[in-house]
Amino acid sequence: LNVVQEIGAMFEGTDKSVSVQTNPANHGDYQAIVEEARRLAKLSPTFVIKMPSTEHGFKACHVLSDEGIRCNLTLCFSATQALQAMRMGAFYVSPFIGWKESNAEEVYSFIEDLVAIRDNYNFDTEVLVAAVRNGRQIADAAVNGADIVTASFGVYDDAFKHPYTDMGIGKFQEFWDQTPYE
C-alpha cells in the first residue's frame, strides 16, 4: 500500500487521475470489490478504481458511483459491456483494443460504437482506450472520438516517429549544405 499511497501523493493537487486496480482475487464478489475500492479511494482523491467489466464489476460500480467513488470498468470487449458500465455510472470505460485486434476482431468501428452509445444517451463516462500496441491504434482511437488513449512509452515513441521524416531531414541538410551563403 505504501507504493500506491506514494503514487497518489505524486498527483495530489493536480487535475490528473490515476487508475488503481482492485485485486483480481476479489473480482468474483462485488461486495469484496466495493470494500477494497472504498479503502483505495480513501488513499487519494486522484484515484479512479479499476474493476472488470463483469456482473460483479458492474454491481460494484453502481454502488461506488452512488457514493461518489470514480470507477474505471476495464477489460471491456463489447459494446454491451460498455453500455452497462456507462449505465452503472463508470467514470471511465476501458476497451482493450490491442487484445481484440490480436484476436482478428475489428476495432475501428468498436471505438466509434462506444463513443456513439455514450453520446446517444448523454452518459458522462469517458472512453479510455487501453492495450494499445501501435500508432495505427492511437490514430484510430483519436479519429473515432476516444477521450483518452493509454499505451506504453515505447508505443508512443514509435508512433511519433516516421522514417520519411528522418529521410527528409537528411535531404534538407543536403540542400542546406549546397546553398551558397555569399
Protein backbone atom coordinates (compact mmCIF):
# COMPACT_ATOMS: atom_id res chain seq x y z
CA LEU A 1 0.00 0.00 0.00
CA ASN A 2 2.93 2.38 0.53
CA VAL A 3 3.72 2.43 -3.20
CA VAL A 4 0.07 3.12 -4.02
CA GLN A 5 0.00 5.97 -1.49
CA GLU A 6 3.22 7.40 -2.94
CA ILE A 7 1.74 7.36 -6.44
CA GLY A 8 -1.38 9.12 -5.18
CA ALA A 9 0.74 11.77 -3.46
CA MET A 10 2.60 12.47 -6.71
CA PHE A 11 -0.63 13.65 -8.32
CA GLU A 12 -2.28 15.41 -5.37
CA GLY A 13 -3.33 18.94 -6.25
CA THR A 14 -3.44 18.21 -9.98
CA ASP A 15 -6.36 17.58 -12.29
CA LYS A 16 -4.85 14.19 -13.20
CA SER A 17 -6.42 10.88 -12.30
CA VAL A 18 -4.69 7.60 -11.52
CA SER A 19 -6.43 4.29 -12.20
CA VAL A 20 -5.77 1.83 -9.38
CA GLN A 21 -6.51 -1.86 -9.95
CA THR A 22 -8.52 -3.90 -7.46
CA ASN A 23 -7.22 -7.36 -6.56
CA PRO A 24 -8.35 -9.90 -9.18
CA ALA A 25 -8.93 -12.40 -6.34
CA ASN A 26 -11.92 -10.22 -5.36
CA HIS A 27 -13.47 -9.98 -8.81
CA GLY A 28 -15.95 -12.79 -8.20
CA ASP A 29 -17.56 -10.98 -5.24
CA TYR A 30 -18.94 -7.49 -5.77
CA GLN A 31 -19.01 -6.77 -2.03
CA ALA A 32 -15.28 -7.54 -1.80
CA ILE A 33 -14.66 -5.21 -4.75
CA VAL A 34 -16.69 -2.47 -3.02
CA GLU A 35 -14.81 -2.86 0.27
CA GLU A 36 -11.40 -2.78 -1.41
CA ALA A 37 -12.41 0.15 -3.64
CA ARG A 38 -13.52 2.18 -0.63
CA ARG A 39 -10.14 1.59 1.05
CA LEU A 40 -8.24 2.56 -2.08
CA ALA A 41 -10.36 5.65 -2.75
CA LYS A 42 -9.58 6.97 0.74
CA LEU A 43 -5.85 6.96 -0.06
CA SER A 44 -6.02 9.72 -2.68
CA PRO A 45 -8.67 11.91 -4.32
CA THR A 46 -6.87 11.32 -7.63
CA PHE A 47 -7.67 7.60 -7.65
CA VAL A 48 -10.13 6.04 -10.06
CA ILE A 49 -10.77 2.45 -9.05
CA LYS A 50 -10.39 -0.24 -11.74
CA MET A 51 -12.63 -3.27 -11.80
CA PRO A 52 -13.56 -5.73 -14.56
CA SER A 53 -16.50 -5.36 -16.95
CA THR A 54 -18.34 -8.29 -15.37
CA GLU A 55 -21.57 -8.70 -13.44
CA HIS A 56 -19.73 -8.18 -10.14
CA GLY A 57 -17.79 -5.22 -11.51
CA PHE A 58 -20.99 -3.58 -12.77
CA LYS A 59 -22.74 -4.06 -9.42
CA ALA A 60 -19.75 -2.69 -7.52
CA CYS A 61 -19.52 0.30 -9.87
CA HIS A 62 -23.19 1.11 -9.31
CA VAL A 63 -22.76 1.13 -5.52
CA LEU A 64 -19.47 3.04 -5.63
CA SER A 65 -20.51 5.66 -8.15
CA ASP A 66 -23.57 6.42 -5.99
CA GLU A 67 -21.07 7.11 -3.18
CA GLY A 68 -19.01 9.44 -5.38
CA ILE A 69 -16.15 6.98 -5.91
CA ARG A 70 -14.93 7.10 -9.50
CA CYS A 71 -14.68 3.75 -11.28
CA ASN A 72 -12.85 2.54 -14.37
CA LEU A 73 -14.57 -0.51 -15.87
CA THR A 74 -11.72 -2.29 -17.58
CA LEU A 75 -11.31 -5.36 -19.77
CA CYS A 76 -14.18 -4.16 -21.96
CA PHE A 77 -14.51 -6.16 -25.17
CA SER A 78 -18.08 -5.47 -26.33
CA ALA A 79 -20.41 -2.53 -26.85
CA THR A 80 -22.92 -4.09 -24.47
CA GLN A 81 -20.31 -4.28 -21.70
CA ALA A 82 -19.54 -0.60 -22.30
CA LEU A 83 -23.24 0.29 -22.25
CA GLN A 84 -23.70 -1.45 -18.91
CA ALA A 85 -20.59 0.24 -17.48
CA MET A 86 -21.96 3.62 -18.55
CA ARG A 87 -25.40 2.83 -17.11
CA MET A 88 -23.79 1.95 -13.77
CA GLY A 89 -22.04 5.32 -13.61
CA ALA A 90 -18.50 4.43 -14.66
CA PHE A 91 -16.15 7.40 -14.84
CA TYR A 92 -14.09 5.54 -17.49
CA VAL A 93 -14.74 2.50 -19.63
CA SER A 94 -11.56 0.88 -20.95
CA PRO A 95 -11.85 -1.13 -24.17
CA PHE A 96 -8.76 -3.29 -24.72
CA ILE A 97 -8.31 -2.82 -28.45
CA GLY A 98 -4.89 -4.43 -28.80
CA TRP A 99 -6.23 -7.68 -27.43
CA LYS A 100 -9.26 -7.54 -29.74
CA GLU A 101 -7.12 -6.86 -32.79
CA SER A 102 -4.77 -9.72 -31.86
CA ASN A 103 -7.86 -11.93 -31.95
CA ALA A 104 -8.64 -10.73 -35.51
CA GLU A 105 -11.53 -8.58 -34.26
CA GLU A 106 -12.21 -5.21 -35.85
CA VAL A 107 -11.51 -2.27 -33.52
CA TYR A 108 -12.08 0.83 -35.67
CA SER A 109 -15.89 0.71 -35.52
CA PHE A 110 -15.78 -0.68 -31.96
CA ILE A 111 -14.37 2.57 -30.61
CA GLU A 112 -16.83 4.54 -32.75
CA ASP A 113 -19.72 2.46 -31.33
CA LEU A 114 -18.70 3.15 -27.72
CA VAL A 115 -18.49 6.90 -28.35
CA ALA A 116 -21.87 6.82 -30.13
CA ILE A 117 -23.51 4.95 -27.23
CA ARG A 118 -22.09 7.46 -24.78
CA ASP A 119 -23.27 10.41 -26.86
CA ASN A 120 -26.70 8.93 -27.72
CA TYR A 121 -27.59 8.55 -24.05
CA ASN A 122 -25.67 11.56 -22.72
CA PHE A 123 -23.57 9.47 -20.37
CA ASP A 124 -20.67 11.23 -18.65
CA THR A 125 -18.35 8.22 -19.00
CA GLU A 126 -15.07 8.80 -20.83
CA VAL A 127 -13.80 6.20 -23.29
CA LEU A 128 -10.24 5.30 -22.24
CA VAL A 129 -8.77 3.14 -24.99
CA ALA A 130 -6.31 0.66 -23.48
CA ALA A 131 -3.93 -2.12 -24.50
CA VAL A 132 -2.81 0.00 -27.45
CA ARG A 133 0.05 -1.64 -29.31
CA ASN A 134 0.86 0.64 -32.24
CA GLY A 135 0.50 4.06 -33.76
CA ARG A 136 -2.34 3.00 -36.04
CA GLN A 137 -4.42 2.15 -32.96
CA ILE A 138 -3.64 5.56 -31.42
CA ALA A 139 -4.83 7.22 -34.63
CA ASP A 140 -7.96 5.02 -34.80
CA ALA A 141 -8.83 5.96 -31.23
CA ALA A 142 -8.39 9.67 -31.97
CA VAL A 143 -10.33 9.57 -35.25
CA ASN A 144 -13.21 7.76 -33.60
CA GLY A 145 -13.57 10.13 -30.65
CA ALA A 146 -11.89 8.32 -27.76
CA ASP A 147 -11.30 10.65 -24.84
CA ILE A 148 -8.04 9.06 -23.67
CA VAL A 149 -5.50 6.58 -25.01
CA THR A 150 -3.14 4.67 -22.77
CA ALA A 151 -0.11 2.90 -24.17
CA SER A 152 3.45 2.11 -23.20
CA PHE A 153 6.14 4.74 -23.69
CA GLY A 154 7.63 2.57 -26.42
CA VAL A 155 4.39 2.64 -28.41
CA TYR A 156 4.18 6.44 -28.13
CA ASP A 157 7.84 6.80 -29.06
CA ASP A 158 7.41 4.63 -32.16
CA ALA A 159 4.11 6.28 -33.09
CA PHE A 160 5.51 9.78 -33.26
CA LYS A 161 8.46 8.85 -35.46
CA HIS A 162 8.41 8.23 -39.18
CA PRO A 163 11.26 7.10 -41.44
CA TYR A 164 10.33 9.68 -44.10
CA THR A 165 10.72 12.46 -41.56
CA ASP A 166 14.28 11.32 -40.87
CA MET A 167 14.92 10.89 -44.60
CA GLY A 168 13.51 14.36 -45.26
CA ILE A 169 15.75 15.93 -42.63
CA GLY A 170 18.72 14.32 -44.37
CA LYS A 171 17.61 15.72 -47.75
CA PHE A 172 17.04 19.18 -46.27
CA GLN A 173 20.54 19.06 -44.81
CA GLU A 174 21.99 18.16 -48.22
CA PHE A 175 20.20 21.12 -49.83
CA TRP A 176 21.25 23.40 -46.99
CA ASP A 177 24.87 22.37 -47.34
CA GLN A 178 24.77 23.04 -51.12
CA THR A 179 23.25 26.51 -50.76
CA PRO A 180 25.76 29.33 -51.26
CA TYR A 181 25.67 31.93 -48.50
CA GLU A 182 27.57 34.75 -50.17
